[in-house]
Amino acid sequence: MYIRLPKETKDQIKEELKEYVYYERSEEIGDLAAENMLDFILKEIGPYFYNQGVKDAKEMVNQKMVNLEEDMESLERPISRNR
């Protein structure tokens, strides 16, 4: 699975990667190296973040369903068994 990003987003991330490498390693990298690094991150590491996002979304939806079920149950009216 490959995560696709808009060109503007990729360009921004590449600039941030170049700055990171410069400040952390005192090395300057060019656009090609930054793009290769970004491609690696998206292809090899990105799925971990994506899958965690799916798990987080699933948990949020499950919690909303529990809340919805509680709300629906609170609408029930008691039934009188007296005749």
Protein backbone atom coordinates (compact mmCIF):
# COMPACT_ATOMS: atom_id res chain seq x y z
CA MET A 1 0.00 0.00 0.00
CA TYR A 2 1.34 3.37 -0.96
CA ILE A 3 0.04 6.52 0.68
CA ARG A 4 -0.61 9.21 -1.91
CA LEU A 5 -0.13 12.84 -1.01
CA PRO A 6 -0.85 16.01 -2.96
CA LYS A 7 2.23 17.56 -4.58
CA GLU A 8 2.09 20.59 -2.28
CA THR A 9 2.10 18.33 0.77
CA LYS A 10 4.99 16.24 -0.56
CA ASP A 11 6.98 19.40 -1.30
CA GLN A 12 6.39 20.68 2.24
CA ILE A 13 7.42 17.37 3.79
CA LYS A 14 10.56 17.23 1.63
CA GLU A 15 11.58 20.67 2.89
CA GLU A 16 10.98 19.57 6.48
CA LEU A 17 13.06 16.43 5.91
CA LYS A 18 15.90 18.51 4.49
CA GLU A 19 15.79 20.80 7.52
CA TYR A 20 15.64 17.84 9.91
CA VAL A 21 18.69 16.16 8.37
CA TYR A 22 20.57 19.45 8.43
CA TYR A 23 19.86 20.20 12.10
CA GLU A 24 20.24 16.63 13.33
CA ARG A 25 23.22 15.52 11.27
CA SER A 26 24.69 18.78 9.95
CA GLU A 27 24.30 17.41 6.43
CA GLU A 28 22.62 19.05 3.50
CA ILE A 29 20.54 16.84 1.27
CA GLY A 30 18.95 17.78 -2.02
CA ASP A 31 15.47 17.34 -3.38
CA LEU A 32 16.20 13.88 -4.78
CA ALA A 33 17.52 12.54 -1.48
CA ALA A 34 14.58 14.08 0.40
CA GLU A 35 12.14 12.57 -2.09
CA ASN A 36 13.77 9.15 -1.79
CA MET A 37 13.56 9.40 1.99
CA LEU A 38 9.91 10.43 1.80
CA ASP A 39 9.12 7.58 -0.60
CA PHE A 40 10.75 5.13 1.80
CA ILE A 41 8.78 6.50 4.73
CA LEU A 42 5.50 6.39 2.81
CA LYS A 43 6.04 2.86 1.47
CA GLU A 44 7.70 1.15 4.42
CA ILE A 45 6.68 3.08 7.53
CA GLY A 46 3.47 4.80 6.45
CA PRO A 47 1.32 1.67 6.72
CA TYR A 48 2.07 1.46 10.46
CA PHE A 49 0.69 4.98 10.95
CA TYR A 50 -2.22 4.30 8.61
CA ASN A 51 -3.18 1.10 10.43
CA GLN A 52 -2.99 2.85 13.79
CA GLY A 53 -5.27 5.55 12.42
CA VAL A 54 -7.75 2.89 11.33
CA LYS A 55 -7.62 1.29 14.80
CA ASP A 56 -8.13 4.68 16.46
CA ALA A 57 -11.08 5.46 14.17
CA LYS A 58 -12.59 2.03 14.83
CA GLU A 59 -12.32 2.56 18.59
CA MET A 60 -13.92 6.00 18.30
CA VAL A 61 -16.81 4.61 16.22
CA ASN A 62 -17.28 1.74 18.68
CA GLN A 63 -17.47 4.22 21.56
CA LYS A 64 -19.98 6.35 19.65
CA MET A 65 -22.08 3.22 19.04
CA VAL A 66 -22.04 2.39 22.76
CA ASN A 67 -23.16 5.94 23.52
CA LEU A 68 -25.85 5.74 20.84
CA GLU A 69 -27.10 2.44 22.24
CA GLU A 70 -27.31 3.97 25.72
CA ASP A 71 -29.16 6.99 24.34
CA MET A 72 -31.61 4.77 22.48
CA GLU A 73 -32.25 2.64 25.57
CA SER A 74 -32.93 5.78 27.59
CA LEU A 75 -35.83 6.55 25.21
CA GLU A 76 -37.65 3.34 26.08
CA ARG A 77 -40.79 3.75 28.13
CA PRO A 78 -41.62 1.51 31.03
CA ILE A 79 -44.41 -0.97 30.45
CA SER A 80 -47.02 -1.23 33.16
CA ARG A 81 -48.09 -4.79 33.92
CA ASN A 82 -51.12 -3.67 35.95
CA ARG A 83 -54.56 -4.61 34.62
